[in-house]
ModelCIF file with pLDDT and N, C-alpha, C, O atoms, coordinates in Angstrom:
data_MODEL
#
_entry.id   MODEL 
#
_entity.id                         1 
_entity.type                       polymer 
_entity.pdbx_number_of_molecules   1 
#
_entity_poly.entity_id                      1 
_entity_poly.type                           'polypeptide(L)' 
_entity_poly.nstd_linkage                   no 
_entity_poly.nstd_monomer                   no 
_entity_poly.pdbx_seq_one_letter_code       
;(UNK)(UNK)(UNK)(UNK)(UNK)(UNK)(UNK)(UNK)(UNK)(UNK)(UNK)(UNK)(UNK)(UNK)(UNK)(UNK)
(UNK)(UNK)(UNK)(UNK)(UNK)(UNK)(UNK)(UNK)(UNK)(UNK)(UNK)(UNK)(UNK)(UNK)(UNK)(UNK)
(UNK)(UNK)(UNK)(UNK)(UNK)
;
_entity_poly.pdbx_seq_one_letter_code_can   XXXXXXXXXXXXXXXXXXXXXXXXXXXXXXXXXXXXX 
_entity_poly.pdbx_strand_id                 A 
#
loop_
_entity_poly_seq.entity_id 
_entity_poly_seq.num 
_entity_poly_seq.mon_id 
_entity_poly_seq.hetero 
1 1  UNK n 
1 2  UNK n 
1 3  UNK n 
1 4  UNK n 
1 5  UNK n 
1 6  UNK n 
1 7  UNK n 
1 8  UNK n 
1 9  UNK n 
1 10 UNK n 
1 11 UNK n 
1 12 UNK n 
1 13 UNK n 
1 14 UNK n 
1 15 UNK n 
1 16 UNK n 
1 17 UNK n 
1 18 UNK n 
1 19 UNK n 
1 20 UNK n 
1 21 UNK n 
1 22 UNK n 
1 23 UNK n 
1 24 UNK n 
1 25 UNK n 
1 26 UNK n 
1 27 UNK n 
1 28 UNK n 
1 29 UNK n 
1 30 UNK n 
1 31 UNK n 
1 32 UNK n 
1 33 UNK n 
1 34 UNK n 
1 35 UNK n 
1 36 UNK n 
1 37 UNK n 
#
_struct_asym.id          A 
_struct_asym.entity_id   1 
#
loop_
_ma_qa_metric.id 
_ma_qa_metric.mode 
_ma_qa_metric.name 
_ma_qa_metric.software_group_id 
_ma_qa_metric.type 
1 global pLDDT . pLDDT 
2 local  pLDDT . pLDDT 
#
_ma_qa_metric_global.metric_id      1 
_ma_qa_metric_global.metric_value   96.00 
_ma_qa_metric_global.model_id       1 
_ma_qa_metric_global.ordinal_id     1 
#
loop_
_ma_qa_metric_local.label_asym_id 
_ma_qa_metric_local.label_comp_id 
_ma_qa_metric_local.label_seq_id 
_ma_qa_metric_local.metric_id 
_ma_qa_metric_local.metric_value 
_ma_qa_metric_local.model_id 
_ma_qa_metric_local.ordinal_id 
A UNK 1  2 98.00 1 1  
A UNK 2  2 98.00 1 2  
A UNK 3  2 98.00 1 3  
A UNK 4  2 98.00 1 4  
A UNK 5  2 98.00 1 5  
A UNK 6  2 98.00 1 6  
A UNK 7  2 98.00 1 7  
A UNK 8  2 98.00 1 8  
A UNK 9  2 98.00 1 9  
A UNK 10 2 98.00 1 10 
A UNK 11 2 98.00 1 11 
A UNK 12 2 97.00 1 12 
A UNK 13 2 97.00 1 13 
A UNK 14 2 97.00 1 14 
A UNK 15 2 98.00 1 15 
A UNK 16 2 97.00 1 16 
A UNK 17 2 97.00 1 17 
A UNK 18 2 96.00 1 18 
A UNK 19 2 96.00 1 19 
A UNK 20 2 94.00 1 20 
A UNK 21 2 86.00 1 21 
A UNK 22 2 85.00 1 22 
A UNK 23 2 86.00 1 23 
A UNK 24 2 93.00 1 24 
A UNK 25 2 93.00 1 25 
A UNK 26 2 97.00 1 26 
A UNK 27 2 97.00 1 27 
A UNK 28 2 97.00 1 28 
A UNK 29 2 97.00 1 29 
A UNK 30 2 97.00 1 30 
A UNK 31 2 97.00 1 31 
A UNK 32 2 96.00 1 32 
A UNK 33 2 97.00 1 33 
A UNK 34 2 97.00 1 34 
A UNK 35 2 97.00 1 35 
A UNK 36 2 96.00 1 36 
A UNK 37 2 97.00 1 37 
#
loop_
_atom_site.group_PDB 
_atom_site.id 
_atom_site.type_symbol 
_atom_site.label_atom_id 
_atom_site.label_alt_id 
_atom_site.label_comp_id 
_atom_site.label_asym_id 
_atom_site.label_entity_id 
_atom_site.label_seq_id 
_atom_site.pdbx_PDB_ins_code 
_atom_site.Cartn_x 
_atom_site.Cartn_y 
_atom_site.Cartn_z 
_atom_site.occupancy 
_atom_site.B_iso_or_equiv 
_atom_site.pdbx_formal_charge 
_atom_site.auth_seq_id 
_atom_site.auth_comp_id 
_atom_site.auth_asym_id 
_atom_site.auth_atom_id 
_atom_site.pdbx_PDB_model_num 
ATOM 1   N N  . UNK A 1 1  ? 151.918 92.354  43.363 1.00 98.00 ? 1  UNK A N  1 
ATOM 2   C CA . UNK A 1 1  ? 151.075 92.908  44.268 1.00 98.00 ? 1  UNK A CA 1 
ATOM 3   C C  . UNK A 1 1  ? 151.523 92.919  45.981 1.00 98.00 ? 1  UNK A C  1 
ATOM 4   O O  . UNK A 1 1  ? 151.417 93.764  46.870 1.00 98.00 ? 1  UNK A O  1 
ATOM 5   N N  . UNK A 1 2  ? 152.036 91.614  45.923 1.00 98.00 ? 2  UNK A N  1 
ATOM 6   C CA . UNK A 1 2  ? 152.355 91.597  47.239 1.00 98.00 ? 2  UNK A CA 1 
ATOM 7   C C  . UNK A 1 2  ? 153.704 92.456  47.528 1.00 98.00 ? 2  UNK A C  1 
ATOM 8   O O  . UNK A 1 2  ? 153.824 92.828  48.695 1.00 98.00 ? 2  UNK A O  1 
ATOM 9   N N  . UNK A 1 3  ? 154.581 92.767  46.756 1.00 98.00 ? 3  UNK A N  1 
ATOM 10  C CA . UNK A 1 3  ? 155.990 93.525  46.821 1.00 98.00 ? 3  UNK A CA 1 
ATOM 11  C C  . UNK A 1 3  ? 155.165 95.161  47.118 1.00 98.00 ? 3  UNK A C  1 
ATOM 12  O O  . UNK A 1 3  ? 155.601 95.915  47.987 1.00 98.00 ? 3  UNK A O  1 
ATOM 13  N N  . UNK A 1 4  ? 154.066 95.491  46.342 1.00 98.00 ? 4  UNK A N  1 
ATOM 14  C CA . UNK A 1 4  ? 153.678 96.797  46.219 1.00 98.00 ? 4  UNK A CA 1 
ATOM 15  C C  . UNK A 1 4  ? 152.978 97.237  47.640 1.00 98.00 ? 4  UNK A C  1 
ATOM 16  O O  . UNK A 1 4  ? 153.018 98.329  48.207 1.00 98.00 ? 4  UNK A O  1 
ATOM 17  N N  . UNK A 1 5  ? 152.332 96.035  48.015 1.00 98.00 ? 5  UNK A N  1 
ATOM 18  C CA . UNK A 1 5  ? 151.701 96.051  49.486 1.00 98.00 ? 5  UNK A CA 1 
ATOM 19  C C  . UNK A 1 5  ? 153.022 96.122  50.629 1.00 98.00 ? 5  UNK A C  1 
ATOM 20  O O  . UNK A 1 5  ? 152.988 97.051  51.436 1.00 98.00 ? 5  UNK A O  1 
ATOM 21  N N  . UNK A 1 6  ? 154.012 95.281  50.683 1.00 98.00 ? 6  UNK A N  1 
ATOM 22  C CA . UNK A 1 6  ? 155.024 95.523  51.507 1.00 98.00 ? 6  UNK A CA 1 
ATOM 23  C C  . UNK A 1 6  ? 155.593 96.650  51.432 1.00 98.00 ? 6  UNK A C  1 
ATOM 24  O O  . UNK A 1 6  ? 155.928 97.259  52.447 1.00 98.00 ? 6  UNK A O  1 
ATOM 25  N N  . UNK A 1 7  ? 155.815 97.155  50.092 1.00 98.00 ? 7  UNK A N  1 
ATOM 26  C CA . UNK A 1 7  ? 156.802 98.361  50.111 1.00 98.00 ? 7  UNK A CA 1 
ATOM 27  C C  . UNK A 1 7  ? 155.904 99.553  50.628 1.00 98.00 ? 7  UNK A C  1 
ATOM 28  O O  . UNK A 1 7  ? 156.487 100.453 51.232 1.00 98.00 ? 7  UNK A O  1 
ATOM 29  N N  . UNK A 1 8  ? 154.777 99.628  50.479 1.00 98.00 ? 8  UNK A N  1 
ATOM 30  C CA . UNK A 1 8  ? 153.830 100.643 51.036 1.00 98.00 ? 8  UNK A CA 1 
ATOM 31  C C  . UNK A 1 8  ? 153.876 100.730 52.613 1.00 98.00 ? 8  UNK A C  1 
ATOM 32  O O  . UNK A 1 8  ? 154.083 101.732 53.297 1.00 98.00 ? 8  UNK A O  1 
ATOM 33  N N  . UNK A 1 9  ? 153.648 99.520  52.995 1.00 98.00 ? 9  UNK A N  1 
ATOM 34  C CA . UNK A 1 9  ? 153.484 99.549  54.530 1.00 98.00 ? 9  UNK A CA 1 
ATOM 35  C C  . UNK A 1 9  ? 154.693 99.830  55.246 1.00 98.00 ? 9  UNK A C  1 
ATOM 36  O O  . UNK A 1 9  ? 154.786 100.575 56.222 1.00 98.00 ? 9  UNK A O  1 
ATOM 37  N N  . UNK A 1 10 ? 155.570 99.215  54.721 1.00 98.00 ? 10 UNK A N  1 
ATOM 38  C CA . UNK A 1 10 ? 157.059 99.293  55.337 1.00 98.00 ? 10 UNK A CA 1 
ATOM 39  C C  . UNK A 1 10 ? 157.641 100.655 55.292 1.00 98.00 ? 10 UNK A C  1 
ATOM 40  O O  . UNK A 1 10 ? 158.427 101.046 56.154 1.00 98.00 ? 10 UNK A O  1 
ATOM 41  N N  . UNK A 1 11 ? 157.247 101.399 54.261 1.00 98.00 ? 11 UNK A N  1 
ATOM 42  C CA . UNK A 1 11 ? 157.685 102.828 54.063 1.00 98.00 ? 11 UNK A CA 1 
ATOM 43  C C  . UNK A 1 11 ? 156.793 103.825 54.929 1.00 98.00 ? 11 UNK A C  1 
ATOM 44  O O  . UNK A 1 11 ? 157.193 104.965 55.166 1.00 98.00 ? 11 UNK A O  1 
ATOM 45  N N  . UNK A 1 12 ? 155.610 103.367 55.376 1.00 97.00 ? 12 UNK A N  1 
ATOM 46  C CA . UNK A 1 12 ? 154.815 104.088 56.414 1.00 97.00 ? 12 UNK A CA 1 
ATOM 47  C C  . UNK A 1 12 ? 155.598 103.832 57.625 1.00 97.00 ? 12 UNK A C  1 
ATOM 48  O O  . UNK A 1 12 ? 155.128 104.494 58.551 1.00 97.00 ? 12 UNK A O  1 
ATOM 49  N N  . UNK A 1 13 ? 156.515 103.197 57.948 1.00 97.00 ? 13 UNK A N  1 
ATOM 50  C CA . UNK A 1 13 ? 157.162 102.848 59.138 1.00 97.00 ? 13 UNK A CA 1 
ATOM 51  C C  . UNK A 1 13 ? 158.690 103.392 59.095 1.00 97.00 ? 13 UNK A C  1 
ATOM 52  O O  . UNK A 1 13 ? 159.464 103.248 60.042 1.00 97.00 ? 13 UNK A O  1 
ATOM 53  N N  . UNK A 1 14 ? 158.984 103.954 58.032 1.00 97.00 ? 14 UNK A N  1 
ATOM 54  C CA . UNK A 1 14 ? 160.194 104.438 57.975 1.00 97.00 ? 14 UNK A CA 1 
ATOM 55  C C  . UNK A 1 14 ? 161.274 103.450 57.211 1.00 97.00 ? 14 UNK A C  1 
ATOM 56  O O  . UNK A 1 14 ? 162.469 103.741 57.160 1.00 97.00 ? 14 UNK A O  1 
ATOM 57  N N  . UNK A 1 15 ? 160.798 102.405 56.699 1.00 98.00 ? 15 UNK A N  1 
ATOM 58  C CA . UNK A 1 15 ? 161.730 101.414 56.123 1.00 98.00 ? 15 UNK A CA 1 
ATOM 59  C C  . UNK A 1 15 ? 161.609 101.169 54.906 1.00 98.00 ? 15 UNK A C  1 
ATOM 60  O O  . UNK A 1 15 ? 160.604 101.632 54.367 1.00 98.00 ? 15 UNK A O  1 
ATOM 61  N N  . UNK A 1 16 ? 162.495 100.436 54.135 1.00 97.00 ? 16 UNK A N  1 
ATOM 62  C CA . UNK A 1 16 ? 162.473 100.330 52.535 1.00 97.00 ? 16 UNK A CA 1 
ATOM 63  C C  . UNK A 1 16 ? 162.938 98.851  52.325 1.00 97.00 ? 16 UNK A C  1 
ATOM 64  O O  . UNK A 1 16 ? 163.495 98.184  53.197 1.00 97.00 ? 16 UNK A O  1 
ATOM 65  N N  . UNK A 1 17 ? 162.647 98.427  51.079 1.00 97.00 ? 17 UNK A N  1 
ATOM 66  C CA . UNK A 1 17 ? 163.057 97.235  50.635 1.00 97.00 ? 17 UNK A CA 1 
ATOM 67  C C  . UNK A 1 17 ? 163.340 97.487  49.130 1.00 97.00 ? 17 UNK A C  1 
ATOM 68  O O  . UNK A 1 17 ? 162.677 98.311  48.501 1.00 97.00 ? 17 UNK A O  1 
ATOM 69  N N  . UNK A 1 18 ? 164.307 96.783  48.582 1.00 96.00 ? 18 UNK A N  1 
ATOM 70  C CA . UNK A 1 18 ? 164.592 97.090  47.226 1.00 96.00 ? 18 UNK A CA 1 
ATOM 71  C C  . UNK A 1 18 ? 163.598 96.912  46.161 1.00 96.00 ? 18 UNK A C  1 
ATOM 72  O O  . UNK A 1 18 ? 162.738 96.071  46.421 1.00 96.00 ? 18 UNK A O  1 
ATOM 73  N N  . UNK A 1 19 ? 163.501 97.538  44.954 1.00 96.00 ? 19 UNK A N  1 
ATOM 74  C CA . UNK A 1 19 ? 162.694 97.438  43.992 1.00 96.00 ? 19 UNK A CA 1 
ATOM 75  C C  . UNK A 1 19 ? 163.032 95.990  43.246 1.00 96.00 ? 19 UNK A C  1 
ATOM 76  O O  . UNK A 1 19 ? 164.099 95.407  43.436 1.00 96.00 ? 19 UNK A O  1 
ATOM 77  N N  . UNK A 1 20 ? 162.150 95.565  42.510 1.00 94.00 ? 20 UNK A N  1 
ATOM 78  C CA . UNK A 1 20 ? 162.376 94.161  41.999 1.00 94.00 ? 20 UNK A CA 1 
ATOM 79  C C  . UNK A 1 20 ? 163.257 94.467  40.582 1.00 94.00 ? 20 UNK A C  1 
ATOM 80  O O  . UNK A 1 20 ? 162.936 95.424  39.876 1.00 94.00 ? 20 UNK A O  1 
ATOM 81  N N  . UNK A 1 21 ? 164.202 93.734  40.278 1.00 86.00 ? 21 UNK A N  1 
ATOM 82  C CA . UNK A 1 21 ? 165.043 93.917  39.242 1.00 86.00 ? 21 UNK A CA 1 
ATOM 83  C C  . UNK A 1 21 ? 166.187 92.866  39.314 1.00 86.00 ? 21 UNK A C  1 
ATOM 84  O O  . UNK A 1 21 ? 166.361 92.038  40.208 1.00 86.00 ? 21 UNK A O  1 
ATOM 85  N N  . UNK A 1 22 ? 166.943 93.070  38.177 1.00 85.00 ? 22 UNK A N  1 
ATOM 86  C CA . UNK A 1 22 ? 168.361 92.067  37.952 1.00 85.00 ? 22 UNK A CA 1 
ATOM 87  C C  . UNK A 1 22 ? 169.322 92.518  39.154 1.00 85.00 ? 22 UNK A C  1 
ATOM 88  O O  . UNK A 1 22 ? 169.600 93.688  39.416 1.00 85.00 ? 22 UNK A O  1 
ATOM 89  N N  . UNK A 1 23 ? 169.739 91.484  39.777 1.00 86.00 ? 23 UNK A N  1 
ATOM 90  C CA . UNK A 1 23 ? 170.900 91.763  40.837 1.00 86.00 ? 23 UNK A CA 1 
ATOM 91  C C  . UNK A 1 23 ? 170.352 92.444  42.172 1.00 86.00 ? 23 UNK A C  1 
ATOM 92  O O  . UNK A 1 23 ? 171.121 92.817  43.057 1.00 86.00 ? 23 UNK A O  1 
ATOM 93  N N  . UNK A 1 24 ? 168.924 92.583  42.254 1.00 93.00 ? 24 UNK A N  1 
ATOM 94  C CA . UNK A 1 24 ? 168.321 93.058  43.402 1.00 93.00 ? 24 UNK A CA 1 
ATOM 95  C C  . UNK A 1 24 ? 168.205 92.002  44.305 1.00 93.00 ? 24 UNK A C  1 
ATOM 96  O O  . UNK A 1 24 ? 168.145 90.848  43.881 1.00 93.00 ? 24 UNK A O  1 
ATOM 97  N N  . UNK A 1 25 ? 168.156 92.317  45.803 1.00 93.00 ? 25 UNK A N  1 
ATOM 98  C CA . UNK A 1 25 ? 167.732 91.655  46.665 1.00 93.00 ? 25 UNK A CA 1 
ATOM 99  C C  . UNK A 1 25 ? 166.392 91.047  46.871 1.00 93.00 ? 25 UNK A C  1 
ATOM 100 O O  . UNK A 1 25 ? 166.126 90.095  47.606 1.00 93.00 ? 25 UNK A O  1 
ATOM 101 N N  . UNK A 1 26 ? 165.552 91.758  46.086 1.00 97.00 ? 26 UNK A N  1 
ATOM 102 C CA . UNK A 1 26 ? 164.106 91.578  45.907 1.00 97.00 ? 26 UNK A CA 1 
ATOM 103 C C  . UNK A 1 26 ? 163.797 90.889  44.696 1.00 97.00 ? 26 UNK A C  1 
ATOM 104 O O  . UNK A 1 26 ? 163.790 91.460  43.606 1.00 97.00 ? 26 UNK A O  1 
ATOM 105 N N  . UNK A 1 27 ? 163.503 89.490  44.879 1.00 97.00 ? 27 UNK A N  1 
ATOM 106 C CA . UNK A 1 27 ? 163.255 88.640  43.467 1.00 97.00 ? 27 UNK A CA 1 
ATOM 107 C C  . UNK A 1 27 ? 161.808 88.004  43.529 1.00 97.00 ? 27 UNK A C  1 
ATOM 108 O O  . UNK A 1 27 ? 161.128 87.707  44.511 1.00 97.00 ? 27 UNK A O  1 
ATOM 109 N N  . UNK A 1 28 ? 161.547 87.884  42.167 1.00 97.00 ? 28 UNK A N  1 
ATOM 110 C CA . UNK A 1 28 ? 160.335 87.002  41.952 1.00 97.00 ? 28 UNK A CA 1 
ATOM 111 C C  . UNK A 1 28 ? 160.946 85.761  41.171 1.00 97.00 ? 28 UNK A C  1 
ATOM 112 O O  . UNK A 1 28 ? 161.537 85.838  40.094 1.00 97.00 ? 28 UNK A O  1 
ATOM 113 N N  . UNK A 1 29 ? 160.693 84.554  41.927 1.00 97.00 ? 29 UNK A N  1 
ATOM 114 C CA . UNK A 1 29 ? 161.047 83.161  41.199 1.00 97.00 ? 29 UNK A CA 1 
ATOM 115 C C  . UNK A 1 29 ? 159.673 82.338  40.703 1.00 97.00 ? 29 UNK A C  1 
ATOM 116 O O  . UNK A 1 29 ? 158.593 82.270  41.291 1.00 97.00 ? 29 UNK A O  1 
ATOM 117 N N  . UNK A 1 30 ? 160.033 81.789  39.544 1.00 97.00 ? 30 UNK A N  1 
ATOM 118 C CA . UNK A 1 30 ? 159.065 80.878  39.080 1.00 97.00 ? 30 UNK A CA 1 
ATOM 119 C C  . UNK A 1 30 ? 158.949 79.639  39.687 1.00 97.00 ? 30 UNK A C  1 
ATOM 120 O O  . UNK A 1 30 ? 159.854 79.272  40.436 1.00 97.00 ? 30 UNK A O  1 
ATOM 121 N N  . UNK A 1 31 ? 157.798 78.793  39.451 1.00 97.00 ? 31 UNK A N  1 
ATOM 122 C CA . UNK A 1 31 ? 157.779 77.518  40.393 1.00 97.00 ? 31 UNK A CA 1 
ATOM 123 C C  . UNK A 1 31 ? 158.926 76.875  40.051 1.00 97.00 ? 31 UNK A C  1 
ATOM 124 O O  . UNK A 1 31 ? 159.588 76.364  40.955 1.00 97.00 ? 31 UNK A O  1 
ATOM 125 N N  . UNK A 1 32 ? 159.367 76.783  38.684 1.00 96.00 ? 32 UNK A N  1 
ATOM 126 C CA . UNK A 1 32 ? 160.652 75.755  38.474 1.00 96.00 ? 32 UNK A CA 1 
ATOM 127 C C  . UNK A 1 32 ? 162.173 76.164  38.932 1.00 96.00 ? 32 UNK A C  1 
ATOM 128 O O  . UNK A 1 32 ? 163.188 75.474  38.835 1.00 96.00 ? 32 UNK A O  1 
ATOM 129 N N  . UNK A 1 33 ? 162.041 77.412  39.429 1.00 97.00 ? 33 UNK A N  1 
ATOM 130 C CA . UNK A 1 33 ? 163.234 78.100  39.938 1.00 97.00 ? 33 UNK A CA 1 
ATOM 131 C C  . UNK A 1 33 ? 163.457 77.856  41.374 1.00 97.00 ? 33 UNK A C  1 
ATOM 132 O O  . UNK A 1 33 ? 162.536 77.963  42.184 1.00 97.00 ? 33 UNK A O  1 
ATOM 133 N N  . UNK A 1 34 ? 164.966 77.446  41.796 1.00 97.00 ? 34 UNK A N  1 
ATOM 134 C CA . UNK A 1 34 ? 165.061 77.769  43.104 1.00 97.00 ? 34 UNK A CA 1 
ATOM 135 C C  . UNK A 1 34 ? 165.097 79.210  43.890 1.00 97.00 ? 34 UNK A C  1 
ATOM 136 O O  . UNK A 1 34 ? 165.499 80.252  43.373 1.00 97.00 ? 34 UNK A O  1 
ATOM 137 N N  . UNK A 1 35 ? 164.656 79.097  45.088 1.00 97.00 ? 35 UNK A N  1 
ATOM 138 C CA . UNK A 1 35 ? 164.710 80.462  45.588 1.00 97.00 ? 35 UNK A CA 1 
ATOM 139 C C  . UNK A 1 35 ? 165.378 80.224  46.968 1.00 97.00 ? 35 UNK A C  1 
ATOM 140 O O  . UNK A 1 35 ? 165.001 79.327  47.722 1.00 97.00 ? 35 UNK A O  1 
ATOM 141 N N  . UNK A 1 36 ? 166.554 81.214  47.304 1.00 96.00 ? 36 UNK A N  1 
ATOM 142 C CA . UNK A 1 36 ? 167.152 81.117  48.520 1.00 96.00 ? 36 UNK A CA 1 
ATOM 143 C C  . UNK A 1 36 ? 166.462 81.876  49.462 1.00 96.00 ? 36 UNK A C  1 
ATOM 144 O O  . UNK A 1 36 ? 165.930 82.937  49.135 1.00 96.00 ? 36 UNK A O  1 
ATOM 145 N N  . UNK A 1 37 ? 166.398 81.266  51.055 1.00 97.00 ? 37 UNK A N  1 
ATOM 146 C CA . UNK A 1 37 ? 165.891 81.991  52.059 1.00 97.00 ? 37 UNK A CA 1 
ATOM 147 C C  . UNK A 1 37 ? 166.641 81.404  53.019 1.00 97.00 ? 37 UNK A C  1 
ATOM 148 O O  . UNK A 1 37 ? 166.526 81.756  54.193 1.00 97.00 ? 37 UNK A O  1 
#
């Protein structure tokens, strides 16, 4: 839901984020998984 909200708002500004998927820069990580920031 956060992804959908971000994607919609950014698109209204002429900006894009990648879709969620394998190898994508857009990721969802489970609590036990490391996430890089």
